[in-house]
Amino acid sequence: MHIPLMNVPQILLNELAYSFNLEKNKLDTRHGSLKFKPKKIGVALGLNASGDLFFKKVSFKDLSEENKEIFRRFQGKTLKNLTD
C-alpha cells in the first residue's frame, strides 16, 4: 500500500502500531480501549485502507514490452509460489 509522507513523529506512529490489537480491532490506551474499523483508521491517516488499493487501472495493451514481460512472469502464480 502506498503510504503518503506524514508530518507525524515516528515515535507516535510506533506507539499507535504497538497499542493496536489486530484481533479485536481495538486501540488499547491507558484510558481504555477504542474500537476502530480499518476504514476509520484509513480516513484518519489519509490512507486507502479498504476497497480498491489501486487508484488507476492499467490496461495490459498500454504497457511497454518490458512491463508486459514482467506481468507475464507473475501471471498464474499463487501467493505460495511467489513466497517460495
Protein backbone atom coordinates (compact mmCIF):
# COMPACT_ATOMS: atom_id res chain seq x y z
CA MET A 1 0.00 0.00 0.00
CA HIS A 2 1.29 3.47 -0.80
CA ILE A 3 1.61 5.45 2.41
CA PRO A 4 1.95 9.21 1.87
CA LEU A 5 4.52 11.27 3.74
CA MET A 6 3.05 12.32 7.09
CA ASN A 7 4.14 15.06 9.44
CA VAL A 8 3.85 12.75 12.46
CA PRO A 9 6.75 11.80 14.74
CA GLN A 10 7.94 8.23 14.20
CA ILE A 11 7.72 7.51 17.92
CA LEU A 12 3.98 8.31 17.89
CA LEU A 13 3.37 6.04 14.90
CA ASN A 14 5.30 3.25 16.64
CA GLU A 15 3.24 3.62 19.82
CA LEU A 16 -0.01 3.53 17.86
CA ALA A 17 1.11 0.43 15.99
CA TYR A 18 2.19 -1.39 19.15
CA SER A 19 -1.00 -0.43 21.01
CA PHE A 20 -3.35 -1.65 18.29
CA ASN A 21 -4.91 -5.09 18.83
CA LEU A 22 -5.40 -6.59 15.36
CA GLU A 23 -7.56 -9.48 16.56
CA LYS A 24 -10.15 -7.19 18.14
CA ASN A 25 -9.60 -4.04 16.03
CA LYS A 26 -9.08 -2.06 19.22
CA LEU A 27 -6.57 0.56 20.26
CA ASP A 28 -5.58 -0.17 23.84
CA THR A 29 -4.79 3.05 25.74
CA ARG A 30 -4.27 4.00 29.37
CA HIS A 31 -7.83 5.35 29.31
CA GLY A 32 -9.39 2.17 27.95
CA SER A 33 -9.91 0.53 24.58
CA LEU A 34 -11.22 2.24 21.47
CA LYS A 35 -12.80 0.12 18.75
CA PHE A 36 -11.90 1.04 15.17
CA LYS A 37 -12.66 -0.31 11.75
CA PRO A 38 -9.88 -0.26 9.13
CA LYS A 39 -11.85 2.30 7.10
CA LYS A 40 -11.86 4.79 10.01
CA ILE A 41 -8.12 4.36 10.50
CA GLY A 42 -7.56 4.95 6.82
CA VAL A 43 -9.64 8.13 6.86
CA ALA A 44 -7.79 9.42 9.93
CA LEU A 45 -4.37 8.80 8.37
CA GLY A 46 -5.34 9.65 4.80
CA LEU A 47 -4.83 6.05 3.60
CA ASN A 48 -6.92 3.87 1.35
CA ALA A 49 -7.35 1.11 3.96
CA SER A 50 -10.19 -0.72 2.27
CA GLY A 51 -11.63 -1.29 -1.14
CA ASP A 52 -9.56 -0.89 -4.28
CA LEU A 53 -5.91 -0.25 -3.41
CA PHE A 54 -5.11 0.80 -6.98
CA PHE A 55 -6.35 4.26 -7.84
CA LYS A 56 -5.89 3.92 -11.58
CA LYS A 57 -6.45 0.77 -13.60
CA VAL A 58 -3.73 -0.11 -16.08
CA SER A 59 -4.54 -1.69 -19.41
CA PHE A 60 -2.23 -4.53 -20.43
CA LYS A 61 -2.14 -3.31 -24.03
CA ASP A 62 -0.85 0.10 -22.85
CA LEU A 63 2.16 -1.41 -21.08
CA SER A 64 5.65 -1.30 -22.56
CA GLU A 65 7.11 -4.58 -23.82
CA GLU A 66 9.41 -4.71 -20.77
CA ASN A 67 6.46 -4.31 -18.37
CA LYS A 68 4.41 -6.87 -20.32
CA GLU A 69 7.24 -9.39 -19.81
CA ILE A 70 7.26 -8.68 -16.06
CA PHE A 71 3.47 -9.11 -15.96
CA ARG A 72 3.73 -12.46 -17.78
CA ARG A 73 6.26 -13.75 -15.21
CA PHE A 74 3.73 -13.23 -12.40
CA GLN A 75 0.66 -14.34 -14.32
CA GLY A 76 -0.89 -17.54 -12.96
CA LYS A 77 1.30 -17.63 -9.85
CA THR A 78 -0.18 -18.23 -6.44
CA LEU A 79 0.89 -16.39 -3.31
CA LYS A 80 2.64 -19.57 -2.16
CA ASN A 81 4.62 -19.75 -5.43
CA LEU A 82 5.66 -16.13 -5.06
CA THR A 83 6.58 -16.57 -1.38
CA ASP A 84 8.69 -19.66 -2.14
